[in-house]
PDB file of N, CA and C in Angstrom:
ATOM      1  N   MET A   1       0.800  -1.100   0.110  1.00  0.00           N
ATOM      2  CA  MET A   1       0.131  -0.134   0.235  1.00  0.00           C
ATOM      3  C   MET A   1       0.772   1.217   0.101  1.00  0.00           C
ATOM      4  N   LEU A   2       0.312   2.242  -0.709  1.00  0.00           N
ATOM      5  CA  LEU A   2       1.101   3.829  -0.629  1.00  0.00           C
ATOM      6  C   LEU A   2       0.913   4.460   0.840  1.00  0.00           C
ATOM      7  N   GLU A   3       2.053   4.430   1.074  1.00  0.00           N
ATOM      8  CA  GLU A   3       1.972   5.561   2.355  1.00  0.00           C
ATOM      9  C   GLU A   3       2.362   6.963   2.231  1.00  0.00           C
ATOM     10  N   GLN A   4       1.557   8.053   2.774  1.00  0.00           N
ATOM     11  CA  GLN A   4       1.960   9.083   2.524  1.00  0.00           C
ATOM     12  C   GLN A   4       2.513   9.838   4.007  1.00  0.00           C
ATOM     13  N   PRO A   5       3.371  10.440   4.080  1.00  0.00           N
ATOM     14  CA  PRO A   5       4.072  10.975   5.419  1.00  0.00           C
ATOM     15  C   PRO A   5       2.962  11.848   5.852  1.00  0.00           C
ATOM     16  N   GLN A   6       2.481  11.915   7.200  1.00  0.00           N
ATOM     17  CA  GLN A   6       1.772  12.920   7.754  1.00  0.00           C
ATOM     18  C   GLN A   6       2.512  13.502   9.049  1.00  0.00           C
ATOM     19  N   GLN A   7       2.213  14.839   9.588  1.00  0.00           N
ATOM     20  CA  GLN A   7       2.966  15.441  10.477  1.00  0.00           C
ATOM     21  C   GLN A   7       2.168  15.315  11.731  1.00  0.00           C
ATOM     22  N   PHE A   8       2.412  15.151  12.679  1.00  0.00           N
ATOM     23  CA  PHE A   8       1.488  15.401  13.913  1.00  0.00           C
ATOM     24  C   PHE A   8       2.179  15.932  14.897  1.00  0.00           C
ATOM     25  N   TYR A   9       1.803  16.771  15.782  1.00  0.00           N
ATOM     26  CA  TYR A   9       2.625  17.888  16.972  1.00  0.00           C
ATOM     27  C   TYR A   9       2.227  17.064  18.086  1.00  0.00           C
ATOM     28  N   ASP A  10       2.759  16.820  19.282  1.00  0.00           N
ATOM     29  CA  ASP A  10       2.662  16.270  20.564  1.00  0.00           C
ATOM     30  C   ASP A  10       2.391  17.746  21.255  1.00  0.00           C
ATOM     31  N   ALA A  11       2.030  17.383  22.710  1.00  0.00           N
ATOM     32  CA  ALA A  11       1.717  18.109  23.753  1.00  0.00           C
ATOM     33  C   ALA A  11       2.741  19.089  23.924  1.00  0.00           C
ATOM     34  N   GLU A  12       4.213  19.047  23.895  1.00  0.00           N
ATOM     35  CA  GLU A  12       5.127  19.841  23.867  1.00  0.00           C
ATOM     36  C   GLU A  12       5.400  20.369  22.208  1.00  0.00           C
ATOM     37  N   GLY A  13       4.816  20.304  21.372  1.00  0.00           N
ATOM     38  CA  GLY A  13       4.754  20.776  20.200  1.00  0.00           C
ATOM     39  C   GLY A  13       6.073  20.261  19.285  1.00  0.00           C
ATOM     40  N   ARG A  14       6.488  19.174  19.561  1.00  0.00           N
ATOM     41  CA  ARG A  14       7.257  18.376  18.779  1.00  0.00           C
ATOM     42  C   ARG A  14       6.701  17.872  17.413  1.00  0.00           C
ATOM     43  N   GLY A  15       7.321  17.969  16.482  1.00  0.00           N
ATOM     44  CA  GLY A  15       6.386  17.396  15.282  1.00  0.00           C
ATOM     45  C   GLY A  15       7.043  15.999  15.057  1.00  0.00           C
ATOM     46  N   HIS A  16       6.053  15.204  14.590  1.00  0.00           N
ATOM     47  CA  HIS A  16       6.452  13.681  14.437  1.00  0.00           C
ATOM     48  C   HIS A  16       5.849  13.001  13.381  1.00  0.00           C
ATOM     49  N   ASP A  17       6.356  12.304  12.608  1.00  0.00           N
ATOM     50  CA  ASP A  17       5.932  11.714  11.082  1.00  0.00           C
ATOM     51  C   ASP A  17       4.823  10.476  11.645  1.00  0.00           C
ATOM     52  N   MET A  18       4.276  10.404  10.828  1.00  0.00           N
ATOM     53  CA  MET A  18       2.890   9.308  10.800  1.00  0.00           C
ATOM     54  C   MET A  18       2.652   9.045   9.643  1.00  0.00           C
ATOM     55  N   PRO A  19       3.043   7.457   9.307  1.00  0.00           N
ATOM     56  CA  PRO A  19       2.586   7.325   8.110  1.00  0.00           C
ATOM     57  C   PRO A  19       1.257   6.588   7.999  1.00  0.00           C
ATOM     58  N   MET A  20       0.773   7.386   6.702  1.00  0.00           N
ATOM     59  CA  MET A  20      -0.545   6.733   6.768  1.00  0.00           C
ATOM     60  C   MET A  20      -0.788   6.000   5.330  1.00  0.00           C
ATOM     61  N   GLN A  21      -1.680   4.961   5.615  1.00  0.00           N
ATOM     62  CA  GLN A  21      -2.146   4.423   4.677  1.00  0.00           C
ATOM     63  C   GLN A  21      -2.799   4.798   3.431  1.00  0.00           C
ATOM     64  N   GLN A  22      -2.808   4.983   2.113  1.00  0.00           N
ATOM     65  CA  GLN A  22      -3.677   5.391   0.865  1.00  0.00           C
ATOM     66  C   GLN A  22      -5.249   5.057   1.747  1.00  0.00           C
ATOM     67  N   GLU A  23      -5.622   3.660   1.881  1.00  0.00           N
ATOM     68  CA  GLU A  23      -6.871   3.636   1.869  1.00  0.00           C
ATOM     69  C   GLU A  23      -7.375   4.343   3.241  1.00  0.00           C
ATOM     70  N   THR A  24      -6.651   4.594   4.448  1.00  0.00           N
ATOM     71  CA  THR A  24      -7.324   5.721   5.361  1.00  0.00           C
ATOM     72  C   THR A  24      -7.305   6.965   4.971  1.00  0.00           C
ATOM     73  N   ILE A  25      -6.688   7.519   4.218  1.00  0.00           N
ATOM     74  CA  ILE A  25      -6.758   8.849   3.391  1.00  0.00           C
ATOM     75  C   ILE A  25      -7.842   8.786   2.572  1.00  0.00           C
ATOM     76  N   GLU A  26      -8.267   7.814   1.773  1.00  0.00           N
ATOM     77  CA  GLU A  26      -9.577   7.628   0.946  1.00  0.00           C
ATOM     78  C   GLU A  26     -10.675   8.084   1.858  1.00  0.00           C
ATOM     79  N   ARG A  27     -10.961   6.952   2.798  1.00  0.00           N
ATOM     80  CA  ARG A  27     -11.938   6.924   3.902  1.00  0.00           C
ATOM     81  C   ARG A  27     -12.041   8.525   4.612  1.00  0.00           C
ATOM     82  N   ARG A  28     -11.122   9.095   5.088  1.00  0.00           N
ATOM     83  CA  ARG A  28     -11.187  10.315   5.454  1.00  0.00           C
ATOM     84  C   ARG A  28     -11.652  11.544   4.320  1.00  0.00           C
ATOM     85  N   ILE A  29     -11.173  11.451   3.371  1.00  0.00           N
ATOM     86  CA  ILE A  29     -11.620  12.126   2.370  1.00  0.00           C
ATOM     87  C   ILE A  29     -12.976  11.837   1.999  1.00  0.00           C
ATOM     88  N   ALA A  30     -13.733  10.952   1.800  1.00  0.00           N
ATOM     89  CA  ALA A  30     -15.005  10.444   1.691  1.00  0.00           C
ATOM     90  C   ALA A  30     -15.748  10.995   3.114  1.00  0.00           C
ATOM     91  N   ASP A  31     -15.157  10.860   4.399  1.00  0.00           N
ATOM     92  CA  ASP A  31     -15.848  10.971   5.482  1.00  0.00           C
ATOM     93  C   ASP A  31     -15.978  12.823   5.260  1.00  0.00           C
ATOM     94  N   GLN A  32     -14.946  13.498   4.728  1.00  0.00           N
ATOM     95  CA  GLN A  32     -15.304  14.815   4.961  1.00  0.00           C
ATOM     96  C   GLN A  32     -16.031  15.586   3.629  1.00  0.00           C
ATOM     97  N   MET A  33     -16.646  14.674   2.525  1.00  0.00           N
ATOM     98  CA  MET A  33     -17.164  15.080   1.519  1.00  0.00           C
ATOM     99  C   MET A  33     -18.429  14.705   2.184  1.00  0.00           C
ATOM    100  N   MET A  34     -19.108  14.132   2.805  1.00  0.00           N
ATOM    101  CA  MET A  34     -20.410  13.869   3.314  1.00  0.00           C
ATOM    102  C   MET A  34     -20.821  14.770   3.556  1.00  0.00           C
ATOM    103  N   PRO A  35     -20.397  15.835   4.468  1.00  0.00           N
ATOM    104  CA  PRO A  35     -21.012  17.163   4.803  1.00  0.00           C
ATOM    105  C   PRO A  35     -21.258  18.323   3.612  1.00  0.00           C
ATOM    106  N   VAL A  36     -19.782  18.246   3.013  1.00  0.00           N
ATOM    107  CA  VAL A  36     -20.330  19.007   1.530  1.00  0.00           C
ATOM    108  C   VAL A  36     -21.497  18.492   0.659  1.00  0.00           C
ATOM    109  N   ASN A  37     -21.601  17.359   0.492  1.00  0.00           N
ATOM    110  CA  ASN A  37     -22.566  16.941  -0.199  1.00  0.00           C
ATOM    111  C   ASN A  37     -23.920  16.924   0.135  1.00  0.00           C
ATOM    112  N   ASP A  38     -24.275  17.029   1.681  1.00  0.00           N
ATOM    113  CA  ASP A  38     -25.250  17.525   2.335  1.00  0.00           C
ATOM    114  C   ASP A  38     -25.381  18.839   1.916  1.00  0.00           C
ATOM    115  N   LEU A  39     -24.646  19.560   2.506  1.00  0.00           N
ATOM    116  CA  LEU A  39     -24.951  21.103   2.159  1.00  0.00           C
ATOM    117  C   LEU A  39     -25.197  21.692   0.883  1.00  0.00           C
ATOM    118  N   HIS A  40     -24.649  20.801   0.111  1.00  0.00           N
ATOM    119  CA  HIS A  40     -24.898  21.020  -1.598  1.00  0.00           C
ATOM    120  C   HIS A  40     -26.652  20.593  -1.729  1.00  0.00           C
ATOM    121  N   THR A  41     -26.813  19.670  -1.245  1.00  0.00           N
ATOM    122  CA  THR A  41     -28.450  18.877  -1.548  1.00  0.00           C
ATOM    123  C   THR A  41     -29.182  19.989  -0.728  1.00  0.00           C
ATOM    124  N   THR A  42     -28.975  20.298   0.623  1.00  0.00           N
ATOM    125  CA  THR A  42     -29.642  21.414   1.261  1.00  0.00           C
ATOM    126  C   THR A  42     -29.920  22.711   0.449  1.00  0.00           C
ATOM    127  N   LEU A  43     -28.524  23.428  -0.154  1.00  0.00           N
ATOM    128  CA  LEU A  43     -28.834  24.042  -0.780  1.00  0.00           C
ATOM    129  C   LEU A  43     -29.456  24.211  -2.027  1.00  0.00           C
ATOM    130  N   ARG A  44     -29.635  23.095  -2.705  1.00  0.00           N
ATOM    131  CA  ARG A  44     -30.329  22.898  -3.767  1.00  0.00           C
ATOM    132  C   ARG A  44     -31.568  22.982  -3.530  1.00  0.00           C
ATOM    133  N   ASN A  45     -32.416  22.168  -2.430  1.00  0.00           N
ATOM    134  CA  ASN A  45     -33.647  22.262  -2.152  1.00  0.00           C
ATOM    135  C   ASN A  45     -33.723  23.589  -1.371  1.00  0.00           C
ATOM    136  N   VAL A  46     -32.852  24.389  -1.019  1.00  0.00           N
ATOM    137  CA  VAL A  46     -33.204  25.761  -0.709  1.00  0.00           C
ATOM    138  C   VAL A  46     -33.803  26.352  -1.948  1.00  0.00           C
ATOM    139  N   ARG A  47     -33.061  26.602  -3.197  1.00  0.00           N
ATOM    140  CA  ARG A  47     -33.012  27.295  -4.354  1.00  0.00           C
ATOM    141  C   ARG A  47     -34.122  26.862  -4.815  1.00  0.00           C
ATOM    142  N   SER A  48     -34.816  25.668  -4.779  1.00  0.00           N
ATOM    143  CA  SER A  48     -35.799  25.102  -5.453  1.00  0.00           C
ATOM    144  C   SER A  48     -37.156  25.385  -4.702  1.00  0.00           C
ATOM    145  N   THR A  49     -36.864  26.026  -3.571  1.00  0.00           N
ATOM    146  CA  THR A  49     -38.203  26.400  -2.672  1.00  0.00           C
ATOM    147  C   THR A  49     -38.216  27.769  -3.170  1.00  0.00           C
ATOM    148  N   VAL A  50     -37.232  28.588  -3.220  1.00  0.00           N
ATOM    149  CA  VAL A  50     -37.530  29.974  -3.216  1.00  0.00           C
ATOM    150  C   VAL A  50     -37.737  30.187  -4.381  1.00  0.00           C
ATOM    151  N   LEU A  51     -37.390  29.570  -5.736  1.00  0.00           N
ATOM    152  CA  LEU A  51     -37.995  29.684  -7.144  1.00  0.00           C
ATOM    153  C   LEU A  51     -39.302  29.504  -7.054  1.00  0.00           C
ATOM    154  N   CYS A  52     -39.695  28.414  -6.622  1.00  0.00           N
ATOM    155  CA  CYS A  52     -41.109  28.253  -6.379  1.00  0.00           C
ATOM    156  C   CYS A  52     -42.207  29.556  -5.701  1.00  0.00           C
ATOM    157  N   GLU A  53     -41.351  29.646  -4.610  1.00  0.00           N
ATOM    158  CA  GLU A  53     -42.240  30.830  -4.123  1.00  0.00           C
ATOM    159  C   GLU A  53     -42.116  32.025  -4.916  1.00  0.00           C
ATOM    160  N   GLU A  54     -41.219  32.244  -5.609  1.00  0.00           N
ATOM    161  CA  GLU A  54     -41.250  33.492  -6.490  1.00  0.00           C
ATOM    162  C   GLU A  54     -41.876  33.463  -7.332  1.00  0.00           C
ATOM    163  N   ARG A  55     -42.060  32.325  -8.187  1.00  0.00           N
ATOM    164  CA  ARG A  55     -43.091  32.193  -9.221  1.00  0.00           C
ATOM    165  C   ARG A  55     -44.237  32.366  -8.692  1.00  0.00           C
ATOM    166  N   ALA A  56     -45.035  31.838  -7.152  1.00  0.00           N
ATOM    167  CA  ALA A  56     -46.244  31.813  -6.875  1.00  0.00           C
ATOM    168  C   ALA A  56     -46.401  33.445  -6.868  1.00  0.00           C
ATOM    169  N   HIS A  57     -45.324  34.043  -6.197  1.00  0.00           N
ATOM    170  CA  HIS A  57     -45.502  35.595  -6.156  1.00  0.00           C
ATOM    171  C   HIS A  57     -45.889  36.311  -7.238  1.00  0.00           C
ATOM    172  N   GLN A  58     -45.089  35.889  -8.379  1.00  0.00           N
ATOM    173  CA  GLN A  58     -45.398  36.916  -9.424  1.00  0.00           C
ATOM    174  C   GLN A  58     -46.338  36.499 -10.325  1.00  0.00           C
ATOM    175  N   GLU A  59     -47.199  35.021 -10.133  1.00  0.00           N
ATOM    176  CA  GLU A  59     -48.391  34.727 -10.852  1.00  0.00           C
ATOM    177  C   GLU A  59     -49.404  35.847  -9.605  1.00  0.00           C
ATOM    178  N   SER A  60     -49.088  35.608  -8.668  1.00  0.00           N
ATOM    179  CA  SER A  60     -50.244  36.569  -7.588  1.00  0.00           C
ATOM    180  C   SER A  60     -50.221  37.795  -8.015  1.00  0.00           C
ATOM    181  N   ASN A  61     -49.213  38.354  -8.588  1.00  0.00           N
ATOM    182  CA  ASN A  61     -49.061  39.823  -8.441  1.00  0.00           C
ATOM    183  C   ASN A  61     -49.771  39.954  -9.972  1.00  0.00           C
ATOM    184  N   LEU A  62     -49.260  39.041 -11.104  1.00  0.00           N
ATOM    185  CA  LEU A  62     -50.115  39.015 -12.370  1.00  0.00           C
ATOM    186  C   LEU A  62     -51.438  39.037 -12.240  1.00  0.00           C
ATOM    187  N   LYS A  63     -51.883  38.267 -11.428  1.00  0.00           N
ATOM    188  CA  LYS A  63     -53.537  38.036 -11.228  1.00  0.00           C
ATOM    189  C   LYS A  63     -54.083  39.281 -10.665  1.00  0.00           C
ATOM    190  N   LYS A  64     -53.442  39.834  -9.634  1.00  0.00           N
ATOM    191  CA  LYS A  64     -53.857  41.243  -8.952  1.00  0.00           C
ATOM    192  C   LYS A  64     -54.008  42.431 -10.130  1.00  0.00           C
ATOM    193  N   SER A  65     -52.832  42.235 -10.816  1.00  0.00           N
ATOM    194  CA  SER A  65     -52.836  43.263 -11.632  1.00  0.00           C
ATOM    195  C   SER A  65     -53.778  43.079 -12.792  1.00  0.00           C
ATOM    196  N   GLY A  66     -54.057  42.027 -13.209  1.00  0.00           N
ATOM    197  CA  GLY A  66     -55.256  41.657 -14.273  1.00  0.00           C
ATOM    198  C   GLY A  66     -56.426  41.793 -13.435  1.00  0.00           C
ATOM    199  N   CYS A  67     -56.811  41.735 -12.078  1.00  0.00           N
ATOM    200  CA  CYS A  67     -58.069  42.166 -11.630  1.00  0.00           C
ATOM    201  C   CYS A  67     -58.161  43.642 -11.825  1.00  0.00           C
ATOM    202  N   LEU A  68     -56.969  44.692 -11.282  1.00  0.00           N
ATOM    203  CA  LEU A  68     -56.966  45.908 -11.364  1.00  0.00           C
ATOM    204  C   LEU A  68     -57.358  46.608 -12.606  1.00  0.00           C
ATOM    205  N   ASN A  69     -56.428  45.773 -13.920  1.00  0.00           N
ATOM    206  CA  ASN A  69     -56.881  46.264 -15.152  1.00  0.00           C
ATOM    207  C   ASN A  69     -58.578  46.211 -15.578  1.00  0.00           C
ATOM    208  N   GLN A  70     -58.944  45.221 -14.927  1.00  0.00           N
ATOM    209  CA  GLN A  70     -60.275  44.700 -15.381  1.00  0.00           C
ATOM    210  C   GLN A  70     -61.166  45.844 -14.992  1.00  0.00           C
ATOM    211  N   HIS A  71     -60.807  45.862 -13.443  1.00  0.00           N
ATOM    212  CA  HIS A  71     -61.857  46.880 -12.910  1.00  0.00           C
ATOM    213  C   HIS A  71     -61.810  48.391 -13.332  1.00  0.00           C
ATOM    214  N   ARG A  72     -60.408  48.769 -14.028  1.00  0.00           N
ATOM    215  CA  ARG A  72     -60.174  49.964 -14.741  1.00  0.00           C
ATOM    216  C   ARG A  72     -61.131  50.078 -15.604  1.00  0.00           C
ATOM    217  N   LEU A  73     -60.884  49.134 -16.743  1.00  0.00           N
ATOM    218  CA  LEU A  73     -61.771  49.143 -17.748  1.00  0.00           C
ATOM    219  C   LEU A  73     -63.294  49.400 -17.510  1.00  0.00           C
ATOM    220  N   GLU A  74     -63.608  48.580 -16.815  1.00  0.00           N
ATOM    221  CA  GLU A  74     -65.045  48.667 -16.368  1.00  0.00           C
ATOM    222  C   GLU A  74     -65.502  50.028 -15.751  1.00  0.00           C
ATOM    223  N   CYS A  75     -64.521  50.751 -15.019  1.00  0.00           N
ATOM    224  CA  CYS A  75     -64.917  52.035 -14.334  1.00  0.00           C
ATOM    225  C   CYS A  75     -64.792  52.763 -15.627  1.00  0.00           C
ATOM    226  N   ASP A  76     -64.069  52.978 -16.331  1.00  0.00           N
ATOM    227  CA  ASP A  76     -63.928  53.643 -17.570  1.00  0.00           C
ATOM    228  C   ASP A  76     -65.207  53.795 -18.427  1.00  0.00           C
ATOM    229  N   ARG A  77     -65.631  52.280 -18.537  1.00  0.00           N
ATOM    230  CA  ARG A  77     -67.074  52.040 -19.552  1.00  0.00           C
ATOM    231  C   ARG A  77     -68.411  52.623 -18.783  1.00  0.00           C
ATOM    232  N   GLU A  78     -68.327  52.593 -17.567  1.00  0.00           N
ATOM    233  CA  GLU A  78     -69.037  53.046 -16.772  1.00  0.00           C
ATOM    234  C   GLU A  78     -69.196  54.609 -16.915  1.00  0.00           C
ATOM    235  N   ALA A  79     -68.288  55.377 -16.901  1.00  0.00           N
ATOM    236  CA  ALA A  79     -67.585  56.606 -16.970  1.00  0.00           C
ATOM    237  C   ALA A  79     -68.270  57.143 -18.387  1.00  0.00           C
ATOM    238  N   GLU A  80     -67.922  56.484 -19.381  1.00  0.00           N
ATOM    239  CA  GLU A  80     -68.274  56.750 -21.000  1.00  0.00           C
ATOM    240  C   GLU A  80     -69.922  56.880 -21.170  1.00  0.00           C
ATOM    241  N   GLU A  81     -70.343  55.627 -20.617  1.00  0.00           N
ATOM    242  CA  GLU A  81     -71.828  55.700 -20.661  1.00  0.00           C
ATOM    243  C   GLU A  81     -72.643  56.512 -19.959  1.00  0.00           C
ATOM    244  N   GLU A  82     -72.126  56.795 -18.583  1.00  0.00           N
ATOM    245  CA  GLU A  82     -72.601  58.125 -17.702  1.00  0.00           C
ATOM    246  C   GLU A  82     -72.615  59.362 -18.568  1.00  0.00           C
ATOM    247  N   GLY A  83     -71.398  59.621 -19.366  1.00  0.00           N
ATOM    248  CA  GLY A  83     -71.183  60.961 -20.146  1.00  0.00           C
ATOM    249  C   GLY A  83     -72.185  60.932 -21.150  1.00  0.00           C
ATOM    250  N   ARG A  84     -72.703  60.087 -21.561  1.00  0.00           N
ATOM    251  CA  ARG A  84     -73.579  60.042 -22.778  1.00  0.00           C
ATOM    252  C   ARG A  84     -74.778  60.891 -22.714  1.00  0.00           C
TER     253      ARG A  84
END
């Protein structure tokens, strides 16, 4: 197995070599990647939720503006009819 030297320091601050097997390194990297992947998944879910809420808000605003435009047209028609 491949070994890559690692350095660790004891309580007195002295450096020591600590050989580490490639398998151990790969396991540690995989363990460190799990929280990164979890964060990525969480961010993707939050983004999806925000986009859905934004779309719903825009649709709501369009409906409101459509109702206001319809009301304005009806008021204009009534004003025209009263003016005749």
